[in-house]
Amino acid sequence: MTGIPISALGTGVMLFLLSAGMHLLIGILAPALAFRSVSDRSILFVSTRTDTRLYGATPAEVLTVNPALTQLRRTLLTAISGLLVGMGLLEVALAWFGLGGGHGWALLALAGSGAAMLPYWYLVFRPYRAAAIPLSIADLPPFIWFPAALLVPATVAGWIGLS
């Protein structure tokens, strides 16, 4: 019995589609979860453990002291979710039609946009590093680490597939 051959280009496309899928999934689910009482107060940005150390109180305590922060958090989460959905849809189109069609510009756009986000994640986590709060992969939101982990293998596979 023979297996289905998998090309490097197909692997690159699939990895970029997985990244896009994560952006879409988180973007679609996050607003609904943000308005649920359980998740609404358990995390401010990273994790309960790290946020408690950074802000000096549990996320629930921080949000209880200033209810306007809850509304700000919901508003920002909704805005970020919209950006994630838009980015995910664009990634799907670039990966499927552009890279899947053998267009090098699509690989450059996908790899470039993924790489362009990395310095911003560095800046986002600077307060945690400044406070000497260790961050593990389990602390980080999946919409950050999952696409970042796929970026290099997806780009390499796409590059090999296009050559």
N, C-alpha and C. Protein backbone atom coordinates (compact mmCIF):
# COMPACT_ATOMS: atom_id res chain seq x y z
N MET A 1 0.85 -1.16 0.00
CA MET A 1 0.00 0.00 0.00
C MET A 1 0.91 1.23 0.00
N THR A 2 0.59 2.18 -0.84
CA THR A 2 1.39 3.39 -0.93
C THR A 2 0.67 4.54 -0.24
N GLY A 3 1.47 5.42 0.32
CA GLY A 3 0.90 6.59 0.99
C GLY A 3 0.70 7.72 0.00
N ILE A 4 -0.03 8.70 0.42
CA ILE A 4 -0.25 9.88 -0.40
C ILE A 4 1.00 10.74 -0.32
N PRO A 5 1.58 11.08 -1.46
CA PRO A 5 2.78 11.92 -1.40
C PRO A 5 2.44 13.32 -0.92
N ILE A 6 3.28 13.83 -0.06
CA ILE A 6 3.08 15.18 0.46
C ILE A 6 4.24 16.03 -0.02
N SER A 7 3.93 17.10 -0.71
CA SER A 7 4.98 17.97 -1.23
C SER A 7 5.38 19.00 -0.17
N ALA A 8 6.55 19.55 -0.35
CA ALA A 8 7.01 20.61 0.55
C ALA A 8 6.08 21.81 0.46
N LEU A 9 5.66 22.14 -0.76
CA LEU A 9 4.76 23.28 -0.94
C LEU A 9 3.43 23.02 -0.23
N GLY A 10 2.90 21.81 -0.37
CA GLY A 10 1.65 21.46 0.31
C GLY A 10 1.80 21.51 1.82
N THR A 11 2.97 21.11 2.32
CA THR A 11 3.23 21.18 3.76
C THR A 11 3.25 22.63 4.22
N GLY A 12 3.93 23.49 3.46
CA GLY A 12 3.96 24.90 3.80
C GLY A 12 2.57 25.51 3.82
N VAL A 13 1.79 25.20 2.80
CA VAL A 13 0.41 25.71 2.74
C VAL A 13 -0.38 25.25 3.95
N MET A 14 -0.28 23.97 4.28
CA MET A 14 -1.05 23.43 5.41
C MET A 14 -0.61 24.06 6.73
N LEU A 15 0.69 24.29 6.91
CA LEU A 15 1.16 24.91 8.15
C LEU A 15 0.66 26.35 8.27
N PHE A 16 0.69 27.09 7.16
CA PHE A 16 0.15 28.45 7.20
C PHE A 16 -1.37 28.42 7.43
N LEU A 17 -2.05 27.42 6.89
CA LEU A 17 -3.49 27.31 7.13
C LEU A 17 -3.78 26.98 8.59
N LEU A 18 -2.93 26.16 9.22
CA LEU A 18 -3.11 25.88 10.65
C LEU A 18 -2.95 27.15 11.48
N SER A 19 -1.96 27.96 11.12
CA SER A 19 -1.76 29.23 11.81
C SER A 19 -2.98 30.13 11.63
N ALA A 20 -3.48 30.20 10.41
CA ALA A 20 -4.68 31.00 10.12
C ALA A 20 -5.87 30.47 10.91
N GLY A 21 -5.97 29.15 10.99
CA GLY A 21 -7.07 28.54 11.74
C GLY A 21 -7.04 28.92 13.21
N MET A 22 -5.84 29.02 13.79
CA MET A 22 -5.73 29.44 15.18
C MET A 22 -6.20 30.88 15.34
N HIS A 23 -5.78 31.75 14.42
CA HIS A 23 -6.23 33.14 14.49
C HIS A 23 -7.75 33.23 14.37
N LEU A 24 -8.31 32.47 13.45
CA LEU A 24 -9.78 32.48 13.28
C LEU A 24 -10.49 31.93 14.51
N LEU A 25 -10.02 30.82 15.02
CA LEU A 25 -10.66 30.18 16.18
C LEU A 25 -10.65 31.10 17.40
N ILE A 26 -9.48 31.65 17.71
CA ILE A 26 -9.39 32.54 18.88
C ILE A 26 -10.19 33.81 18.63
N GLY A 27 -10.09 34.35 17.42
CA GLY A 27 -10.82 35.57 17.11
C GLY A 27 -12.33 35.41 17.21
N ILE A 28 -12.83 34.25 16.83
CA ILE A 28 -14.27 34.01 16.88
C ILE A 28 -14.74 33.70 18.30
N LEU A 29 -13.95 32.91 19.04
CA LEU A 29 -14.37 32.48 20.37
C LEU A 29 -14.12 33.50 21.47
N ALA A 30 -13.08 34.30 21.36
CA ALA A 30 -12.68 35.17 22.47
C ALA A 30 -13.77 36.15 22.91
N PRO A 31 -14.47 36.84 22.01
CA PRO A 31 -15.50 37.76 22.51
C PRO A 31 -16.60 37.06 23.30
N ALA A 32 -17.01 35.90 22.84
CA ALA A 32 -18.05 35.17 23.57
C ALA A 32 -17.55 34.74 24.95
N LEU A 33 -16.30 34.31 25.03
CA LEU A 33 -15.75 33.88 26.31
C LEU A 33 -15.48 35.06 27.23
N ALA A 34 -15.18 36.22 26.68
CA ALA A 34 -14.87 37.39 27.50
C ALA A 34 -16.09 37.87 28.29
N PHE A 35 -17.26 37.55 27.82
CA PHE A 35 -18.46 38.02 28.50
C PHE A 35 -19.02 36.96 29.45
N ARG A 36 -18.35 35.82 29.53
CA ARG A 36 -18.73 34.80 30.50
C ARG A 36 -18.06 35.11 31.82
N SER A 37 -18.74 34.91 32.90
CA SER A 37 -18.20 35.30 34.20
C SER A 37 -16.95 34.51 34.58
N VAL A 38 -16.84 33.26 34.15
CA VAL A 38 -15.69 32.44 34.55
C VAL A 38 -14.40 32.99 33.95
N SER A 39 -14.35 33.17 32.65
CA SER A 39 -13.11 33.63 32.03
C SER A 39 -12.95 35.13 32.11
N ASP A 40 -14.04 35.83 32.38
CA ASP A 40 -13.99 37.29 32.38
C ASP A 40 -13.06 37.84 33.44
N ARG A 41 -12.86 37.12 34.51
CA ARG A 41 -12.08 37.64 35.62
C ARG A 41 -10.88 36.77 35.98
N SER A 42 -10.59 35.74 35.23
CA SER A 42 -9.50 34.85 35.62
C SER A 42 -8.15 35.24 35.03
N ILE A 43 -8.16 35.97 33.93
CA ILE A 43 -6.91 36.36 33.26
C ILE A 43 -7.06 37.79 32.77
N LEU A 44 -6.01 38.57 32.95
CA LEU A 44 -6.00 39.91 32.35
C LEU A 44 -5.40 39.84 30.95
N PHE A 45 -4.21 39.22 30.83
CA PHE A 45 -3.64 39.05 29.50
C PHE A 45 -2.93 37.73 29.31
N VAL A 46 -2.04 37.37 30.23
CA VAL A 46 -1.22 36.17 30.01
C VAL A 46 -1.81 34.98 30.75
N SER A 47 -1.67 34.93 32.05
CA SER A 47 -2.23 33.84 32.85
C SER A 47 -2.53 34.38 34.24
N THR A 48 -3.31 33.65 35.00
CA THR A 48 -3.65 34.09 36.35
C THR A 48 -2.38 34.27 37.17
N ARG A 49 -1.46 33.31 37.09
CA ARG A 49 -0.22 33.36 37.87
C ARG A 49 0.61 34.58 37.52
N THR A 50 0.87 34.77 36.24
CA THR A 50 1.75 35.87 35.82
C THR A 50 1.07 37.23 35.99
N ASP A 51 -0.21 37.32 35.68
CA ASP A 51 -0.92 38.59 35.84
C ASP A 51 -1.01 38.99 37.31
N THR A 52 -1.20 38.03 38.20
CA THR A 52 -1.25 38.32 39.63
C THR A 52 0.08 38.89 40.10
N ARG A 53 1.17 38.30 39.64
CA ARG A 53 2.49 38.81 40.04
C ARG A 53 2.74 40.19 39.45
N LEU A 54 2.35 40.43 38.20
CA LEU A 54 2.61 41.72 37.57
C LEU A 54 1.78 42.85 38.18
N TYR A 55 0.50 42.57 38.42
CA TYR A 55 -0.42 43.62 38.88
C TYR A 55 -0.60 43.67 40.40
N GLY A 56 0.00 42.72 41.13
CA GLY A 56 -0.04 42.77 42.58
C GLY A 56 -1.32 42.27 43.21
N ALA A 57 -2.22 41.77 42.41
CA ALA A 57 -3.49 41.21 42.90
C ALA A 57 -4.01 40.26 41.82
N THR A 58 -4.92 39.38 42.19
CA THR A 58 -5.48 38.47 41.19
C THR A 58 -6.24 39.29 40.15
N PRO A 59 -6.37 38.78 38.94
CA PRO A 59 -7.16 39.50 37.94
C PRO A 59 -8.56 39.84 38.43
N ALA A 60 -9.19 38.94 39.16
CA ALA A 60 -10.54 39.22 39.68
C ALA A 60 -10.52 40.40 40.64
N GLU A 61 -9.49 40.47 41.48
CA GLU A 61 -9.39 41.59 42.43
C GLU A 61 -9.14 42.91 41.69
N VAL A 62 -8.26 42.88 40.71
CA VAL A 62 -7.96 44.09 39.93
C VAL A 62 -9.22 44.59 39.24
N LEU A 63 -9.97 43.69 38.64
CA LEU A 63 -11.17 44.08 37.91
C LEU A 63 -12.31 44.49 38.84
N THR A 64 -12.35 43.93 40.04
CA THR A 64 -13.39 44.29 41.00
C THR A 64 -13.16 45.70 41.54
N VAL A 65 -11.91 46.04 41.78
CA VAL A 65 -11.58 47.37 42.31
C VAL A 65 -11.98 48.47 41.33
N ASN A 66 -11.81 48.20 40.04
CA ASN A 66 -12.15 49.20 39.03
C ASN A 66 -12.96 48.54 37.91
N PRO A 67 -14.29 48.54 38.03
CA PRO A 67 -15.14 47.89 37.03
C PRO A 67 -14.96 48.45 35.61
N ALA A 68 -14.48 49.67 35.49
CA ALA A 68 -14.25 50.22 34.15
C ALA A 68 -13.17 49.43 33.42
N LEU A 69 -12.24 48.83 34.18
CA LEU A 69 -11.21 48.00 33.54
C LEU A 69 -11.83 46.77 32.88
N THR A 70 -12.89 46.24 33.46
CA THR A 70 -13.57 45.10 32.84
C THR A 70 -14.12 45.49 31.47
N GLN A 71 -14.73 46.66 31.40
CA GLN A 71 -15.25 47.13 30.11
C GLN A 71 -14.12 47.40 29.12
N LEU A 72 -13.03 47.99 29.60
CA LEU A 72 -11.88 48.24 28.73
C LEU A 72 -11.32 46.93 28.22
N ARG A 73 -11.19 45.95 29.10
CA ARG A 73 -10.68 44.63 28.70
C ARG A 73 -11.58 44.00 27.64
N ARG A 74 -12.88 44.06 27.85
CA ARG A 74 -13.82 43.50 26.88
C ARG A 74 -13.73 44.22 25.53
N THR A 75 -13.63 45.54 25.58
CA THR A 75 -13.54 46.32 24.35
C THR A 75 -12.26 45.99 23.58
N LEU A 76 -11.13 45.95 24.30
CA LEU A 76 -9.86 45.63 23.64
C LEU A 76 -9.86 44.20 23.11
N LEU A 77 -10.41 43.28 23.87
CA LEU A 77 -10.47 41.89 23.43
C LEU A 77 -11.34 41.75 22.18
N THR A 78 -12.42 42.48 22.13
CA THR A 78 -13.28 42.44 20.95
C THR A 78 -12.55 43.03 19.74
N ALA A 79 -11.84 44.13 19.94
CA ALA A 79 -11.08 44.73 18.84
C ALA A 79 -9.98 43.79 18.36
N ILE A 80 -9.25 43.20 19.29
CA ILE A 80 -8.18 42.25 18.92
C ILE A 80 -8.79 41.05 18.20
N SER A 81 -9.94 40.60 18.65
CA SER A 81 -10.60 39.46 18.01
C SER A 81 -10.96 39.77 16.56
N GLY A 82 -11.46 40.97 16.32
CA GLY A 82 -11.76 41.37 14.95
C GLY A 82 -10.51 41.37 14.08
N LEU A 83 -9.40 41.86 14.63
CA LEU A 83 -8.14 41.85 13.89
C LEU A 83 -7.68 40.42 13.62
N LEU A 84 -7.85 39.53 14.60
CA LEU A 84 -7.46 38.13 14.42
C LEU A 84 -8.29 37.46 13.33
N VAL A 85 -9.59 37.72 13.31
CA VAL A 85 -10.45 37.13 12.27
C VAL A 85 -10.05 37.66 10.91
N GLY A 86 -9.86 38.98 10.81
CA GLY A 86 -9.45 39.55 9.53
C GLY A 86 -8.11 39.00 9.07
N MET A 87 -7.15 38.89 10.00
CA MET A 87 -5.84 38.36 9.65
C MET A 87 -5.95 36.88 9.26
N GLY A 88 -6.76 36.13 10.00
CA GLY A 88 -6.92 34.71 9.67
C GLY A 88 -7.51 34.51 8.29
N LEU A 89 -8.52 35.29 7.93
CA LEU A 89 -9.11 35.17 6.59
C LEU A 89 -8.11 35.54 5.51
N LEU A 90 -7.33 36.57 5.75
CA LEU A 90 -6.31 36.97 4.79
C LEU A 90 -5.24 35.90 4.65
N GLU A 91 -4.84 35.30 5.76
CA GLU A 91 -3.86 34.22 5.73
C GLU A 91 -4.39 33.02 4.95
N VAL A 92 -5.66 32.70 5.14
CA VAL A 92 -6.25 31.58 4.38
C VAL A 92 -6.16 31.87 2.89
N ALA A 93 -6.55 33.07 2.48
CA ALA A 93 -6.52 33.42 1.05
C ALA A 93 -5.10 33.40 0.51
N LEU A 94 -4.16 33.98 1.26
CA LEU A 94 -2.76 34.01 0.80
C LEU A 94 -2.18 32.60 0.70
N ALA A 95 -2.44 31.79 1.73
CA ALA A 95 -1.88 30.44 1.74
C ALA A 95 -2.51 29.57 0.66
N TRP A 96 -3.82 29.59 0.58
CA TRP A 96 -4.52 28.69 -0.34
C TRP A 96 -4.36 29.10 -1.80
N PHE A 97 -4.70 30.34 -2.09
CA PHE A 97 -4.69 30.79 -3.48
C PHE A 97 -3.32 31.30 -3.93
N GLY A 98 -2.61 32.00 -3.05
CA GLY A 98 -1.31 32.54 -3.42
C GLY A 98 -0.20 31.51 -3.37
N LEU A 99 0.10 31.04 -2.16
CA LEU A 99 1.19 30.07 -2.01
C LEU A 99 0.83 28.74 -2.66
N GLY A 100 -0.40 28.30 -2.47
CA GLY A 100 -0.83 27.05 -3.12
C GLY A 100 -0.77 27.13 -4.63
N GLY A 101 -0.90 28.33 -5.18
CA GLY A 101 -0.79 28.53 -6.62
C GLY A 101 0.65 28.70 -7.09
N GLY A 102 1.59 28.58 -6.16
CA GLY A 102 3.00 28.66 -6.52
C GLY A 102 3.55 30.08 -6.65
N HIS A 103 2.91 31.03 -6.01
CA HIS A 103 3.34 32.42 -6.09
C HIS A 103 4.27 32.78 -4.94
N GLY A 104 5.49 33.17 -5.27
CA GLY A 104 6.48 33.52 -4.27
C GLY A 104 6.10 34.74 -3.44
N TRP A 105 5.38 35.67 -4.05
CA TRP A 105 4.97 36.87 -3.30
C TRP A 105 4.09 36.50 -2.12
N ALA A 106 3.31 35.43 -2.25
CA ALA A 106 2.43 35.01 -1.15
C ALA A 106 3.26 34.49 0.02
N LEU A 107 4.33 33.75 -0.28
CA LEU A 107 5.21 33.28 0.78
C LEU A 107 5.85 34.46 1.49
N LEU A 108 6.31 35.44 0.72
CA LEU A 108 6.90 36.64 1.33
C LEU A 108 5.89 37.37 2.20
N ALA A 109 4.66 37.48 1.75
CA ALA A 109 3.63 38.16 2.54
C ALA A 109 3.31 37.40 3.82
N LEU A 110 3.17 36.09 3.72
CA LEU A 110 2.86 35.28 4.90
C LEU A 110 4.00 35.28 5.90
N ALA A 111 5.22 35.05 5.42
CA ALA A 111 6.38 35.02 6.30
C ALA A 111 6.66 36.41 6.87
N GLY A 112 6.54 37.41 6.03
CA GLY A 112 6.81 38.78 6.49
C GLY A 112 5.82 39.25 7.53
N SER A 113 4.55 38.95 7.33
CA SER A 113 3.55 39.39 8.32
C SER A 113 3.73 38.64 9.64
N GLY A 114 4.07 37.38 9.57
CA GLY A 114 4.32 36.61 10.80
C GLY A 114 5.55 37.12 11.53
N ALA A 115 6.62 37.40 10.79
CA ALA A 115 7.85 37.90 11.40
C ALA A 115 7.65 39.32 11.94
N ALA A 116 6.83 40.10 11.28
CA ALA A 116 6.61 41.48 11.72
C ALA A 116 5.92 41.54 13.08
N MET A 117 5.20 40.50 13.45
CA MET A 117 4.50 40.49 14.73
C MET A 117 5.44 40.18 15.90
N LEU A 118 6.55 39.52 15.65
CA LEU A 118 7.43 39.07 16.73
C LEU A 118 7.98 40.22 17.58
N PRO A 119 8.45 41.33 17.01
CA PRO A 119 8.93 42.42 17.89
C PRO A 119 7.82 42.98 18.78
N TYR A 120 6.60 42.95 18.32
CA TYR A 120 5.50 43.45 19.14
C TYR A 120 5.22 42.54 20.32
N TRP A 121 5.37 41.22 20.12
CA TRP A 121 5.20 40.30 21.24
C TRP A 121 6.32 40.54 22.25
N TYR A 122 7.51 40.84 21.77
CA TYR A 122 8.62 41.17 22.67
C TYR A 122 8.22 42.38 23.54
N LEU A 123 7.66 43.40 22.92
CA LEU A 123 7.25 44.60 23.65
C LEU A 123 6.10 44.31 24.62
N VAL A 124 5.16 43.48 24.21
CA VAL A 124 4.02 43.13 25.08
C VAL A 124 4.51 42.46 26.36
N PHE A 125 5.51 41.62 26.25
CA PHE A 125 5.98 40.85 27.41
C PHE A 125 7.09 41.54 28.18
N ARG A 126 7.50 42.74 27.75
CA ARG A 126 8.55 43.46 28.45
C ARG A 126 8.21 43.73 29.91
N PRO A 127 6.98 44.15 30.26
CA PRO A 127 6.69 44.37 31.69
C PRO A 127 6.85 43.11 32.54
N TYR A 128 6.53 41.96 31.99
CA TYR A 128 6.68 40.71 32.73
C TYR A 128 8.16 40.40 32.95
N ARG A 129 8.98 40.62 31.90
CA ARG A 129 10.42 40.40 32.04
C ARG A 129 11.03 41.39 33.02
N ALA A 130 10.60 42.66 32.96
CA ALA A 130 11.13 43.69 33.85
C ALA A 130 10.81 43.37 35.31
N ALA A 131 9.69 42.73 35.56
CA ALA A 131 9.30 42.34 36.91
C ALA A 131 9.86 40.96 37.28
N ALA A 132 10.72 40.41 36.42
CA ALA A 132 11.35 39.10 36.65
C ALA A 132 10.31 37.99 36.83
N ILE A 133 9.25 38.07 36.07
CA ILE A 133 8.20 37.04 36.11
C ILE A 133 8.48 36.05 34.98
N PRO A 134 8.81 34.82 35.35
CA PRO A 134 9.09 33.83 34.29
C PRO A 134 7.82 33.47 33.52
N LEU A 135 7.96 33.41 32.21
CA LEU A 135 6.84 33.03 31.34
C LEU A 135 7.15 31.68 30.72
N SER A 136 6.19 30.79 30.78
CA SER A 136 6.34 29.50 30.11
C SER A 136 5.37 29.46 28.93
N ILE A 137 5.55 28.51 28.07
CA ILE A 137 4.67 28.36 26.91
C ILE A 137 3.23 28.16 27.37
N ALA A 138 3.05 27.53 28.53
CA ALA A 138 1.70 27.30 29.06
C ALA A 138 1.03 28.60 29.49
N ASP A 139 1.83 29.62 29.81
CA ASP A 139 1.26 30.90 30.21
C ASP A 139 0.78 31.72 29.02
N LEU A 140 1.43 31.56 27.89
CA LEU A 140 1.16 32.42 26.74
C LEU A 140 -0.14 32.05 26.04
N PRO A 141 -0.88 33.05 25.59
CA PRO A 141 -2.09 32.76 24.82
C PRO A 141 -1.73 32.01 23.53
N PRO A 142 -2.52 31.01 23.15
CA PRO A 142 -2.18 30.21 21.98
C PRO A 142 -2.13 30.99 20.67
N PHE A 143 -2.86 32.11 20.58
CA PHE A 143 -2.80 32.87 19.33
C PHE A 143 -1.44 33.53 19.14
N ILE A 144 -0.60 33.51 20.19
CA ILE A 144 0.75 34.05 20.07
C ILE A 144 1.74 32.93 19.74
N TRP A 145 1.81 31.91 20.58
CA TRP A 145 2.87 30.93 20.42
C TRP A 145 2.62 29.93 19.28
N PHE A 146 1.38 29.59 19.02
CA PHE A 146 1.11 28.58 17.99
C PHE A 146 1.54 29.08 16.60
N PRO A 147 1.08 30.25 16.14
CA PRO A 147 1.54 30.75 14.84
C PRO A 147 3.05 31.01 14.81
N ALA A 148 3.60 31.49 15.94
CA ALA A 148 5.05 31.76 15.99
C ALA A 148 5.83 30.46 15.83
N ALA A 149 5.35 29.38 16.44
CA ALA A 149 6.03 28.09 16.33
C ALA A 149 5.95 27.52 14.91
N LEU A 150 4.88 27.83 14.20
CA LEU A 150 4.71 27.32 12.84
C LEU A 150 5.41 28.17 11.77
N LEU A 151 5.78 29.40 12.12
CA LEU A 151 6.30 30.34 11.13
C LEU A 151 7.53 29.82 10.39
N VAL A 152 8.54 29.38 11.11
CA VAL A 152 9.78 28.94 10.45
C VAL A 152 9.55 27.66 9.63
N PRO A 153 8.94 26.61 10.20
CA PRO A 153 8.74 25.42 9.37
C PRO A 153 7.84 25.67 8.15
N ALA A 154 6.82 26.51 8.32
CA ALA A 154 5.94 26.81 7.18
C ALA A 154 6.69 27.58 6.10
N THR A 155 7.50 28.52 6.52
CA THR A 155 8.28 29.31 5.56
C THR A 155 9.31 28.45 4.85
N VAL A 156 10.01 27.63 5.58
CA VAL A 156 11.03 26.74 4.98
C VAL A 156 10.38 25.77 4.01
N ALA A 157 9.28 25.16 4.43
CA ALA A 157 8.59 24.21 3.53
C ALA A 157 8.09 24.93 2.27
N GLY A 158 7.53 26.12 2.45
CA GLY A 158 7.06 26.89 1.29
C GLY A 158 8.21 27.25 0.37
N TRP A 159 9.33 27.67 0.94
CA TRP A 159 10.50 28.04 0.15
C TRP A 159 11.02 26.85 -0.66
N ILE A 160 11.14 25.70 0.00
CA ILE A 160 11.60 24.48 -0.67
C ILE A 160 10.62 24.10 -1.76
N GLY A 161 9.34 24.21 -1.47
CA GLY A 161 8.32 23.85 -2.44
C GLY A 161 8.29 24.76 -3.65
N LEU A 162 8.66 26.02 -3.48
CA LEU A 162 8.68 26.96 -4.60
C LEU A 162 9.93 26.86 -5.44
N SER A 163 11.01 26.27 -4.85
CA SER A 163 12.26 26.21 -5.62
C SER A 163 12.34 25.02 -6.53
